[in-house]
Amino acid sequence: MESSAKLTFARLSPRKTRLVVDLVRGKGIQDALNTLRFMPNPSAKIVTTLLRSAVANAEQKGVSDVDRLFVKTIYVDGGAVLKRFVPRAMGRASKIRKPTSHIAVTLSDTK
């Protein structure tokens, strides 16, 4: 049985988040959570809560053994970019890009 969770418009750069996501793809749920627990990246906390949400969704569906779950698919897509300006010297302005990410995860108990 599969369960999934997704997070949209996370205020994280997709490029930096993909580095974290690539480490947990295909791992068991306990291994993935342990890997993320000791990572210093801010996106590791967000991915941890997303994985826990997917586990809770699996429990709600009635999966018999939650410990057998593994990360079947997990991917990060780029979301909308918030564009801001900051004043600079001599009346100029510089762009500030604040990227967002869409993260989706699917857990499965069979390979």
PDB file of N, CA and C in Angstrom:
ATOM      1  N   MET A   1       0.848  -1.172   0.000  1.00  0.00           N
ATOM      2  CA  MET A   1       0.000   0.000   0.000  1.00  0.00           C
ATOM      3  C   MET A   1       0.893   1.234   0.000  1.00  0.00           C
ATOM      4  N   GLU A   2       0.466   2.242  -0.698  1.00  0.00           N
ATOM      5  CA  GLU A   2       1.241   3.471  -0.804  1.00  0.00           C
ATOM      6  C   GLU A   2       0.537   4.600  -0.086  1.00  0.00           C
ATOM      7  N   SER A   3       1.336   5.522   0.429  1.00  0.00           N
ATOM      8  CA  SER A   3       0.806   6.750   0.996  1.00  0.00           C
ATOM      9  C   SER A   3       1.707   7.886   0.544  1.00  0.00           C
ATOM     10  N   SER A   4       1.137   9.064   0.459  1.00  0.00           N
ATOM     11  CA  SER A   4       1.912  10.188  -0.051  1.00  0.00           C
ATOM     12  C   SER A   4       1.608  11.447   0.742  1.00  0.00           C
ATOM     13  N   ALA A   5       2.488  12.414   0.588  1.00  0.00           N
ATOM     14  CA  ALA A   5       2.307  13.738   1.186  1.00  0.00           C
ATOM     15  C   ALA A   5       3.033  14.732   0.299  1.00  0.00           C
ATOM     16  N   LYS A   6       2.540  15.948   0.269  1.00  0.00           N
ATOM     17  CA  LYS A   6       3.234  16.964  -0.511  1.00  0.00           C
ATOM     18  C   LYS A   6       3.170  18.302   0.206  1.00  0.00           C
ATOM     19  N   LEU A   7       4.178  19.093  -0.062  1.00  0.00           N
ATOM     20  CA  LEU A   7       4.291  20.428   0.517  1.00  0.00           C
ATOM     21  C   LEU A   7       4.518  21.387  -0.629  1.00  0.00           C
ATOM     22  N   THR A   8       3.704  22.412  -0.705  1.00  0.00           N
ATOM     23  CA  THR A   8       3.845  23.388  -1.778  1.00  0.00           C
ATOM     24  C   THR A   8       4.255  24.731  -1.209  1.00  0.00           C
ATOM     25  N   PHE A   9       4.967  25.469  -2.009  1.00  0.00           N
ATOM     26  CA  PHE A   9       5.417  26.823  -1.693  1.00  0.00           C
ATOM     27  C   PHE A   9       6.267  26.887  -0.424  1.00  0.00           C
ATOM     28  N   ALA A  10       7.161  25.907  -0.257  1.00  0.00           N
ATOM     29  CA  ALA A  10       8.121  25.953   0.848  1.00  0.00           C
ATOM     30  C   ALA A  10       9.170  26.995   0.503  1.00  0.00           C
ATOM     31  N   ARG A  11       9.501  27.850   1.447  1.00  0.00           N
ATOM     32  CA  ARG A  11      10.443  28.930   1.187  1.00  0.00           C
ATOM     33  C   ARG A  11      11.881  28.411   1.234  1.00  0.00           C
ATOM     34  N   LEU A  12      12.170  27.472   0.363  1.00  0.00           N
ATOM     35  CA  LEU A  12      13.487  26.875   0.246  1.00  0.00           C
ATOM     36  C   LEU A  12      13.872  26.854  -1.220  1.00  0.00           C
ATOM     37  N   SER A  13      15.135  26.957  -1.480  1.00  0.00           N
ATOM     38  CA  SER A  13      15.614  26.870  -2.849  1.00  0.00           C
ATOM     39  C   SER A  13      15.515  25.422  -3.327  1.00  0.00           C
ATOM     40  N   PRO A  14      14.955  25.184  -4.510  1.00  0.00           N
ATOM     41  CA  PRO A  14      14.833  23.804  -4.991  1.00  0.00           C
ATOM     42  C   PRO A  14      16.184  23.122  -5.177  1.00  0.00           C
ATOM     43  N   ARG A  15      17.163  23.865  -5.581  1.00  0.00           N
ATOM     44  CA  ARG A  15      18.491  23.292  -5.819  1.00  0.00           C
ATOM     45  C   ARG A  15      19.108  22.779  -4.520  1.00  0.00           C
ATOM     46  N   LYS A  16      18.981  23.547  -3.457  1.00  0.00           N
ATOM     47  CA  LYS A  16      19.534  23.131  -2.167  1.00  0.00           C
ATOM     48  C   LYS A  16      18.711  22.010  -1.544  1.00  0.00           C
ATOM     49  N   THR A  17      17.425  22.019  -1.784  1.00  0.00           N
ATOM     50  CA  THR A  17      16.561  20.989  -1.225  1.00  0.00           C
ATOM     51  C   THR A  17      16.790  19.649  -1.917  1.00  0.00           C
ATOM     52  N   ARG A  18      17.090  19.673  -3.212  1.00  0.00           N
ATOM     53  CA  ARG A  18      17.351  18.420  -3.931  1.00  0.00           C
ATOM     54  C   ARG A  18      18.561  17.686  -3.378  1.00  0.00           C
ATOM     55  N   LEU A  19      19.548  18.426  -2.866  1.00  0.00           N
ATOM     56  CA  LEU A  19      20.725  17.785  -2.280  1.00  0.00           C
ATOM     57  C   LEU A  19      20.341  16.943  -1.070  1.00  0.00           C
ATOM     58  N   VAL A  20      19.395  17.421  -0.285  1.00  0.00           N
ATOM     59  CA  VAL A  20      18.941  16.694   0.893  1.00  0.00           C
ATOM     60  C   VAL A  20      18.045  15.527   0.491  1.00  0.00           C
ATOM     61  N   VAL A  21      17.163  15.766  -0.448  1.00  0.00           N
ATOM     62  CA  VAL A  21      16.195  14.757  -0.873  1.00  0.00           C
ATOM     63  C   VAL A  21      16.890  13.557  -1.513  1.00  0.00           C
ATOM     64  N   ASP A  22      17.966  13.810  -2.250  1.00  0.00           N
ATOM     65  CA  ASP A  22      18.681  12.719  -2.921  1.00  0.00           C
ATOM     66  C   ASP A  22      19.289  11.731  -1.932  1.00  0.00           C
ATOM     67  N   LEU A  23      19.565  12.176  -0.713  1.00  0.00           N
ATOM     68  CA  LEU A  23      20.171  11.291   0.280  1.00  0.00           C
ATOM     69  C   LEU A  23      19.188  10.285   0.861  1.00  0.00           C
ATOM     70  N   VAL A  24      17.888  10.585   0.846  1.00  0.00           N
ATOM     71  CA  VAL A  24      16.916   9.700   1.485  1.00  0.00           C
ATOM     72  C   VAL A  24      16.098   8.881   0.494  1.00  0.00           C
ATOM     73  N   ARG A  25      16.270   9.120  -0.784  1.00  0.00           N
ATOM     74  CA  ARG A  25      15.489   8.394  -1.797  1.00  0.00           C
ATOM     75  C   ARG A  25      15.844   6.907  -1.763  1.00  0.00           C
ATOM     76  N   GLY A  26      14.824   6.060  -1.640  1.00  0.00           N
ATOM     77  CA  GLY A  26      15.014   4.623  -1.638  1.00  0.00           C
ATOM     78  C   GLY A  26      15.341   4.010  -0.289  1.00  0.00           C
ATOM     79  N   LYS A  27      15.520   4.819   0.741  1.00  0.00           N
ATOM     80  CA  LYS A  27      15.856   4.296   2.069  1.00  0.00           C
ATOM     81  C   LYS A  27      14.599   3.909   2.833  1.00  0.00           C
ATOM     82  N   GLY A  28      14.803   3.105   3.862  1.00  0.00           N
ATOM     83  CA  GLY A  28      13.720   2.803   4.787  1.00  0.00           C
ATOM     84  C   GLY A  28      13.366   4.051   5.585  1.00  0.00           C
ATOM     85  N   ILE A  29      12.185   4.075   6.143  1.00  0.00           N
ATOM     86  CA  ILE A  29      11.718   5.287   6.801  1.00  0.00           C
ATOM     87  C   ILE A  29      12.561   5.634   8.028  1.00  0.00           C
ATOM     88  N   GLN A  30      12.984   4.631   8.796  1.00  0.00           N
ATOM     89  CA  GLN A  30      13.816   4.908   9.971  1.00  0.00           C
ATOM     90  C   GLN A  30      15.202   5.395   9.565  1.00  0.00           C
ATOM     91  N   ASP A  31      15.781   4.790   8.529  1.00  0.00           N
ATOM     92  CA  ASP A  31      17.087   5.246   8.049  1.00  0.00           C
ATOM     93  C   ASP A  31      17.006   6.673   7.517  1.00  0.00           C
ATOM     94  N   ALA A  32      15.935   6.979   6.806  1.00  0.00           N
ATOM     95  CA  ALA A  32      15.773   8.317   6.246  1.00  0.00           C
ATOM     96  C   ALA A  32      15.637   9.356   7.349  1.00  0.00           C
ATOM     97  N   LEU A  33      14.825   9.064   8.361  1.00  0.00           N
ATOM     98  CA  LEU A  33      14.649  10.020   9.456  1.00  0.00           C
ATOM     99  C   LEU A  33      15.933  10.195  10.253  1.00  0.00           C
ATOM    100  N   ASN A  34      16.690   9.117  10.453  1.00  0.00           N
ATOM    101  CA  ASN A  34      17.965   9.239  11.161  1.00  0.00           C
ATOM    102  C   ASN A  34      18.981  10.036  10.355  1.00  0.00           C
ATOM    103  N   THR A  35      18.979   9.860   9.051  1.00  0.00           N
ATOM    104  CA  THR A  35      19.886  10.629   8.201  1.00  0.00           C
ATOM    105  C   THR A  35      19.556  12.114   8.274  1.00  0.00           C
ATOM    106  N   LEU A  36      18.279  12.442   8.212  1.00  0.00           N
ATOM    107  CA  LEU A  36      17.862  13.849   8.222  1.00  0.00           C
ATOM    108  C   LEU A  36      18.056  14.505   9.580  1.00  0.00           C
ATOM    109  N   ARG A  37      17.982  13.724  10.637  1.00  0.00           N
ATOM    110  CA  ARG A  37      18.083  14.287  11.984  1.00  0.00           C
ATOM    111  C   ARG A  37      19.428  14.974  12.220  1.00  0.00           C
ATOM    112  N   PHE A  38      20.486  14.438  11.638  1.00  0.00           N
ATOM    113  CA  PHE A  38      21.818  14.960  11.897  1.00  0.00           C
ATOM    114  C   PHE A  38      22.354  15.855  10.788  1.00  0.00           C
ATOM    115  N   MET A  39      21.498  16.257   9.877  1.00  0.00           N
ATOM    116  CA  MET A  39      21.929  17.157   8.814  1.00  0.00           C
ATOM    117  C   MET A  39      21.745  18.598   9.245  1.00  0.00           C
ATOM    118  N   PRO A  40      22.713  19.465   8.939  1.00  0.00           N
ATOM    119  CA  PRO A  40      22.611  20.870   9.362  1.00  0.00           C
ATOM    120  C   PRO A  40      21.756  21.740   8.445  1.00  0.00           C
ATOM    121  N   ASN A  41      21.330  21.208   7.298  1.00  0.00           N
ATOM    122  CA  ASN A  41      20.583  22.020   6.339  1.00  0.00           C
ATOM    123  C   ASN A  41      19.201  22.375   6.865  1.00  0.00           C
ATOM    124  N   PRO A  42      18.740  23.601   6.609  1.00  0.00           N
ATOM    125  CA  PRO A  42      17.380  23.967   7.021  1.00  0.00           C
ATOM    126  C   PRO A  42      16.308  23.143   6.311  1.00  0.00           C
ATOM    127  N   SER A  43      16.588  22.702   5.101  1.00  0.00           N
ATOM    128  CA  SER A  43      15.590  21.918   4.377  1.00  0.00           C
ATOM    129  C   SER A  43      15.432  20.516   4.961  1.00  0.00           C
ATOM    130  N   ALA A  44      16.390  20.056   5.763  1.00  0.00           N
ATOM    131  CA  ALA A  44      16.281  18.730   6.372  1.00  0.00           C
ATOM    132  C   ALA A  44      15.108  18.671   7.351  1.00  0.00           C
ATOM    133  N   LYS A  45      14.868  19.751   8.079  1.00  0.00           N
ATOM    134  CA  LYS A  45      13.739  19.781   9.018  1.00  0.00           C
ATOM    135  C   LYS A  45      12.410  19.730   8.278  1.00  0.00           C
ATOM    136  N   ILE A  46      12.335  20.441   7.173  1.00  0.00           N
ATOM    137  CA  ILE A  46      11.098  20.472   6.392  1.00  0.00           C
ATOM    138  C   ILE A  46      10.816  19.089   5.801  1.00  0.00           C
ATOM    139  N   VAL A  47      11.846  18.437   5.267  1.00  0.00           N
ATOM    140  CA  VAL A  47      11.669  17.114   4.672  1.00  0.00           C
ATOM    141  C   VAL A  47      11.319  16.097   5.760  1.00  0.00           C
ATOM    142  N   THR A  48      11.877  16.273   6.966  1.00  0.00           N
ATOM    143  CA  THR A  48      11.546  15.384   8.080  1.00  0.00           C
ATOM    144  C   THR A  48      10.067  15.460   8.423  1.00  0.00           C
ATOM    145  N   THR A  49       9.540  16.668   8.528  1.00  0.00           N
ATOM    146  CA  THR A  49       8.115  16.805   8.843  1.00  0.00           C
ATOM    147  C   THR A  49       7.244  16.258   7.719  1.00  0.00           C
ATOM    148  N   LEU A  50       7.703  16.388   6.478  1.00  0.00           N
ATOM    149  CA  LEU A  50       6.948  15.850   5.352  1.00  0.00           C
ATOM    150  C   LEU A  50       6.929  14.324   5.389  1.00  0.00           C
ATOM    151  N   LEU A  51       8.064  13.705   5.718  1.00  0.00           N
ATOM    152  CA  LEU A  51       8.110  12.246   5.837  1.00  0.00           C
ATOM    153  C   LEU A  51       7.217  11.753   6.971  1.00  0.00           C
ATOM    154  N   ARG A  52       7.237  12.467   8.093  1.00  0.00           N
ATOM    155  CA  ARG A  52       6.374  12.075   9.216  1.00  0.00           C
ATOM    156  C   ARG A  52       4.906  12.216   8.853  1.00  0.00           C
ATOM    157  N   SER A  53       4.578  13.214   8.041  1.00  0.00           N
ATOM    158  CA  SER A  53       3.202  13.379   7.582  1.00  0.00           C
ATOM    159  C   SER A  53       2.788  12.219   6.686  1.00  0.00           C
ATOM    160  N   ALA A  54       3.696  11.767   5.826  1.00  0.00           N
ATOM    161  CA  ALA A  54       3.391  10.635   4.956  1.00  0.00           C
ATOM    162  C   ALA A  54       3.220   9.351   5.771  1.00  0.00           C
ATOM    163  N   VAL A  55       4.009   9.193   6.846  1.00  0.00           N
ATOM    164  CA  VAL A  55       3.860   8.031   7.724  1.00  0.00           C
ATOM    165  C   VAL A  55       2.511   8.084   8.427  1.00  0.00           C
ATOM    166  N   ALA A  56       2.103   9.273   8.884  1.00  0.00           N
ATOM    167  CA  ALA A  56       0.799   9.423   9.527  1.00  0.00           C
ATOM    168  C   ALA A  56      -0.326   9.117   8.545  1.00  0.00           C
ATOM    169  N   ASN A  57      -0.156   9.510   7.285  1.00  0.00           N
ATOM    170  CA  ASN A  57      -1.155   9.184   6.268  1.00  0.00           C
ATOM    171  C   ASN A  57      -1.241   7.674   6.046  1.00  0.00           C
ATOM    172  N   ALA A  58      -0.093   6.998   6.114  1.00  0.00           N
ATOM    173  CA  ALA A  58      -0.080   5.542   5.959  1.00  0.00           C
ATOM    174  C   ALA A  58      -0.789   4.868   7.129  1.00  0.00           C
ATOM    175  N   GLU A  59      -0.565   5.369   8.340  1.00  0.00           N
ATOM    176  CA  GLU A  59      -1.254   4.817   9.511  1.00  0.00           C
ATOM    177  C   GLU A  59      -2.759   5.018   9.395  1.00  0.00           C
ATOM    178  N   GLN A  60      -3.151   6.178   8.866  1.00  0.00           N
ATOM    179  CA  GLN A  60      -4.572   6.478   8.698  1.00  0.00           C
ATOM    180  C   GLN A  60      -5.220   5.527   7.681  1.00  0.00           C
ATOM    181  N   LYS A  61      -4.454   5.153   6.654  1.00  0.00           N
ATOM    182  CA  LYS A  61      -4.969   4.224   5.653  1.00  0.00           C
ATOM    183  C   LYS A  61      -5.036   2.802   6.177  1.00  0.00           C
ATOM    184  N   GLY A  62      -4.296   2.509   7.230  1.00  0.00           N
ATOM    185  CA  GLY A  62      -4.352   1.179   7.819  1.00  0.00           C
ATOM    186  C   GLY A  62      -3.226   0.261   7.394  1.00  0.00           C
ATOM    187  N   VAL A  63      -2.029   0.809   7.195  1.00  0.00           N
ATOM    188  CA  VAL A  63      -0.877  -0.034   6.878  1.00  0.00           C
ATOM    189  C   VAL A  63      -0.556  -0.879   8.100  1.00  0.00           C
ATOM    190  N   SER A  64      -0.336  -2.176   7.890  1.00  0.00           N
ATOM    191  CA  SER A  64      -0.148  -3.086   9.019  1.00  0.00           C
ATOM    192  C   SER A  64       1.156  -2.834   9.757  1.00  0.00           C
ATOM    193  N   ASP A  65       2.265  -2.609   9.052  1.00  0.00           N
ATOM    194  CA  ASP A  65       3.557  -2.432   9.699  1.00  0.00           C
ATOM    195  C   ASP A  65       4.219  -1.172   9.146  1.00  0.00           C
ATOM    196  N   VAL A  66       4.259  -0.128   9.962  1.00  0.00           N
ATOM    197  CA  VAL A  66       4.817   1.156   9.532  1.00  0.00           C
ATOM    198  C   VAL A  66       6.333   1.065   9.386  1.00  0.00           C
ATOM    199  N   ASP A  67       6.973   0.165  10.141  1.00  0.00           N
ATOM    200  CA  ASP A  67       8.429   0.049  10.084  1.00  0.00           C
ATOM    201  C   ASP A  67       8.920  -0.519   8.755  1.00  0.00           C
ATOM    202  N   ARG A  68       8.055  -1.148   7.978  1.00  0.00           N
ATOM    203  CA  ARG A  68       8.451  -1.697   6.680  1.00  0.00           C
ATOM    204  C   ARG A  68       8.388  -0.668   5.561  1.00  0.00           C
ATOM    205  N   LEU A  69       7.899   0.528   5.835  1.00  0.00           N
ATOM    206  CA  LEU A  69       7.771   1.550   4.803  1.00  0.00           C
ATOM    207  C   LEU A  69       9.148   2.025   4.328  1.00  0.00           C
ATOM    208  N   PHE A  70       9.215   2.367   3.051  1.00  0.00           N
ATOM    209  CA  PHE A  70      10.426   2.972   2.518  1.00  0.00           C
ATOM    210  C   PHE A  70      10.025   4.096   1.566  1.00  0.00           C
ATOM    211  N   VAL A  71      10.971   4.967   1.277  1.00  0.00           N
ATOM    212  CA  VAL A  71      10.720   6.122   0.421  1.00  0.00           C
ATOM    213  C   VAL A  71      10.774   5.646  -1.027  1.00  0.00           C
ATOM    214  N   LYS A  72       9.607   5.513  -1.632  1.00  0.00           N
ATOM    215  CA  LYS A  72       9.535   5.028  -3.016  1.00  0.00           C
ATOM    216  C   LYS A  72       9.945   6.133  -3.982  1.00  0.00           C
ATOM    217  N   THR A  73       9.270   7.266  -3.901  1.00  0.00           N
ATOM    218  CA  THR A  73       9.637   8.420  -4.729  1.00  0.00           C
ATOM    219  C   THR A  73       9.623   9.666  -3.866  1.00  0.00           C
ATOM    220  N   ILE A  74      10.556  10.536  -4.134  1.00  0.00           N
ATOM    221  CA  ILE A  74      10.577  11.850  -3.502  1.00  0.00           C
ATOM    222  C   ILE A  74      11.240  12.793  -4.494  1.00  0.00           C
ATOM    223  N   TYR A  75      10.598  13.909  -4.746  1.00  0.00           N
ATOM    224  CA  TYR A  75      11.165  14.850  -5.717  1.00  0.00           C
ATOM    225  C   TYR A  75      10.815  16.274  -5.321  1.00  0.00           C
ATOM    226  N   VAL A  76      11.593  17.193  -5.872  1.00  0.00           N
ATOM    227  CA  VAL A  76      11.440  18.622  -5.588  1.00  0.00           C
ATOM    228  C   VAL A  76      11.282  19.344  -6.916  1.00  0.00           C
ATOM    229  N   ASP A  77      10.235  20.124  -7.031  1.00  0.00           N
ATOM    230  CA  ASP A  77      10.020  20.970  -8.196  1.00  0.00           C
ATOM    231  C   ASP A  77      10.120  22.428  -7.765  1.00  0.00           C
ATOM    232  N   GLY A  78      10.488  23.264  -8.678  1.00  0.00           N
ATOM    233  CA  GLY A  78      10.553  24.685  -8.398  1.00  0.00           C
ATOM    234  C   GLY A  78       9.171  25.306  -8.373  1.00  0.00           C
ATOM    235  N   GLY A  79       8.952  26.190  -7.425  1.00  0.00           N
ATOM    236  CA  GLY A  79       7.678  26.890  -7.327  1.00  0.00           C
ATOM    237  C   GLY A  79       7.817  28.317  -7.836  1.00  0.00           C
ATOM    238  N   ALA A  80       6.895  29.140  -7.429  1.00  0.00           N
ATOM    239  CA  ALA A  80       6.934  30.549  -7.819  1.00  0.00           C
ATOM    240  C   ALA A  80       8.105  31.248  -7.133  1.00  0.00           C
ATOM    241  N   VAL A  81       8.660  32.242  -7.809  1.00  0.00           N
ATOM    242  CA  VAL A  81       9.775  33.005  -7.245  1.00  0.00           C
ATOM    243  C   VAL A  81       9.256  34.370  -6.831  1.00  0.00           C
ATOM    244  N   LEU A  82       9.437  34.690  -5.554  1.00  0.00           N
ATOM    245  CA  LEU A  82       9.066  36.013  -5.056  1.00  0.00           C
ATOM    246  C   LEU A  82      10.172  36.982  -5.441  1.00  0.00           C
ATOM    247  N   LYS A  83       9.822  38.049  -6.124  1.00  0.00           N
ATOM    248  CA  LYS A  83      10.823  38.998  -6.588  1.00  0.00           C
ATOM    249  C   LYS A  83      10.710  40.293  -5.786  1.00  0.00           C
ATOM    250  N   ARG A  84      11.826  40.686  -5.207  1.00  0.00           N
ATOM    251  CA  ARG A  84      11.880  41.892  -4.388  1.00  0.00           C
ATOM    252  C   ARG A  84      13.024  42.770  -4.883  1.00  0.00           C
ATOM    253  N   PHE A  85      13.012  44.030  -4.472  1.00  0.00           N
ATOM    254  CA  PHE A  85      14.085  44.949  -4.817  1.00  0.00           C
ATOM    255  C   PHE A  85      14.641  45.563  -3.550  1.00  0.00           C
ATOM    256  N   VAL A  86      15.947  45.833  -3.561  1.00  0.00           N
ATOM    257  CA  VAL A  86      16.603  46.476  -2.436  1.00  0.00           C
ATOM    258  C   VAL A  86      17.327  47.713  -2.983  1.00  0.00           C
ATOM    259  N   PRO A  87      17.229  48.838  -2.304  1.00  0.00           N
ATOM    260  CA  PRO A  87      17.901  50.037  -2.807  1.00  0.00           C
ATOM    261  C   PRO A  87      19.422  49.921  -2.698  1.00  0.00           C
ATOM    262  N   ARG A  88      20.096  50.453  -3.710  1.00  0.00           N
ATOM    263  CA  ARG A  88      21.553  50.447  -3.739  1.00  0.00           C
ATOM    264  C   ARG A  88      22.061  51.869  -3.906  1.00  0.00           C
ATOM    265  N   ALA A  89      23.332  52.006  -4.057  1.00  0.00           N
ATOM    266  CA  ALA A  89      23.953  53.328  -4.154  1.00  0.00           C
ATOM    267  C   ALA A  89      23.557  54.034  -5.454  1.00  0.00           C
ATOM    268  N   MET A  90      23.579  55.339  -5.406  1.00  0.00           N
ATOM    269  CA  MET A  90      23.329  56.224  -6.551  1.00  0.00           C
ATOM    270  C   MET A  90      21.963  55.994  -7.187  1.00  0.00           C
ATOM    271  N   GLY A  91      20.944  55.694  -6.371  1.00  0.00           N
ATOM    272  CA  GLY A  91      19.583  55.579  -6.854  1.00  0.00           C
ATOM    273  C   GLY A  91      19.267  54.308  -7.612  1.00  0.00           C
ATOM    274  N   ARG A  92      20.142  53.338  -7.570  1.00  0.00           N
ATOM    275  CA  ARG A  92      19.894  52.089  -8.268  1.00  0.00           C
ATOM    276  C   ARG A  92      19.141  51.107  -7.370  1.00  0.00           C
ATOM    277  N   ALA A  93      18.741  50.008  -7.964  1.00  0.00           N
ATOM    278  CA  ALA A  93      18.061  48.947  -7.212  1.00  0.00           C
ATOM    279  C   ALA A  93      18.604  47.608  -7.676  1.00  0.00           C
ATOM    280  N   SER A  94      18.667  46.653  -6.744  1.00  0.00           N
ATOM    281  CA  SER A  94      19.108  45.299  -7.073  1.00  0.00           C
ATOM    282  C   SER A  94      17.970  44.332  -6.816  1.00  0.00           C
ATOM    283  N   LYS A  95      17.927  43.282  -7.645  1.00  0.00           N
ATOM    284  CA  LYS A  95      16.895  42.266  -7.483  1.00  0.00           C
ATOM    285  C   LYS A  95      17.259  41.317  -6.351  1.00  0.00           C
ATOM    286  N   ILE A  96      16.241  40.879  -5.639  1.00  0.00           N
ATOM    287  CA  ILE A  96      16.371  39.787  -4.681  1.00  0.00           C
ATOM    288  C   ILE A  96      15.352  38.744  -5.093  1.00  0.00           C
ATOM    289  N   ARG A  97      15.815  37.520  -5.332  1.00  0.00           N
ATOM    290  CA  ARG A  97      14.935  36.418  -5.711  1.00  0.00           C
ATOM    291  C   ARG A  97      14.740  35.528  -4.499  1.00  0.00           C
ATOM    292  N   LYS A  98      13.500  35.247  -4.153  1.00  0.00           N
ATOM    293  CA  LYS A  98      13.184  34.361  -3.043  1.00  0.00           C
ATOM    294  C   LYS A  98      12.455  33.141  -3.605  1.00  0.00           C
ATOM    295  N   PRO A  99      13.203  32.093  -3.931  1.00  0.00           N
ATOM    296  CA  PRO A  99      12.587  30.930  -4.585  1.00  0.00           C
ATOM    297  C   PRO A  99      11.765  30.092  -3.617  1.00  0.00           C
ATOM    298  N   THR A 100      10.808  29.368  -4.173  1.00  0.00           N
ATOM    299  CA  THR A 100       9.999  28.435  -3.397  1.00  0.00           C
ATOM    300  C   THR A 100      10.086  27.059  -4.045  1.00  0.00           C
ATOM    301  N   SER A 101       9.713  26.036  -3.275  1.00  0.00           N
ATOM    302  CA  SER A 101       9.806  24.652  -3.739  1.00  0.00           C
ATOM    303  C   SER A 101       8.496  23.928  -3.503  1.00  0.00           C
ATOM    304  N   HIS A 102       8.239  22.947  -4.349  1.00  0.00           N
ATOM    305  CA  HIS A 102       7.153  21.999  -4.155  1.00  0.00           C
ATOM    306  C   HIS A 102       7.799  20.632  -3.935  1.00  0.00           C
ATOM    307  N   ILE A 103       7.550  20.017  -2.782  1.00  0.00           N
ATOM    308  CA  ILE A 103       8.162  18.733  -2.442  1.00  0.00           C
ATOM    309  C   ILE A 103       7.053  17.694  -2.349  1.00  0.00           C
ATOM    310  N   ALA A 104       7.266  16.543  -2.986  1.00  0.00           N
ATOM    311  CA  ALA A 104       6.291  15.444  -2.952  1.00  0.00           C
ATOM    312  C   ALA A 104       7.009  14.158  -2.587  1.00  0.00           C
ATOM    313  N   VAL A 105       6.376  13.349  -1.735  1.00  0.00           N
ATOM    314  CA  VAL A 105       6.966  12.085  -1.303  1.00  0.00           C
ATOM    315  C   VAL A 105       5.906  10.996  -1.366  1.00  0.00           C
ATOM    316  N   THR A 106       6.313   9.800  -1.762  1.00  0.00           N
ATOM    317  CA  THR A 106       5.453   8.619  -1.769  1.00  0.00           C
ATOM    318  C   THR A 106       6.159   7.510  -1.036  1.00  0.00           C
ATOM    319  N   LEU A 107       5.476   6.939  -0.047  1.00  0.00           N
ATOM    320  CA  LEU A 107       6.006   5.814   0.725  1.00  0.00           C
ATOM    321  C   LEU A 107       5.300   4.546   0.288  1.00  0.00           C
ATOM    322  N   SER A 108       6.015   3.436   0.330  1.00  0.00           N
ATOM    323  CA  SER A 108       5.436   2.160  -0.034  1.00  0.00           C
ATOM    324  C   SER A 108       5.972   1.095   0.919  1.00  0.00           C
ATOM    325  N   ASP A 109       5.205  -0.004   1.057  1.00  0.00           N
ATOM    326  CA  ASP A 109       5.679  -1.084   1.920  1.00  0.00           C
ATOM    327  C   ASP A 109       6.113  -2.304   1.116  1.00  0.00           C
ATOM    328  N   THR A 110       5.945  -2.273  -0.200  1.00  0.00           N
ATOM    329  CA  THR A 110       6.403  -3.371  -1.053  1.00  0.00           C
ATOM    330  C   THR A 110       7.344  -2.825  -2.104  1.00  0.00           C
ATOM    331  N   LYS A 111       8.350  -3.595  -2.434  1.00  0.00           N
ATOM    332  CA  LYS A 111       9.324  -3.127  -3.420  1.00  0.00           C
ATOM    333  C   LYS A 111       8.942  -3.459  -4.813  1.00  0.00           C
TER     334      LYS A 111
END
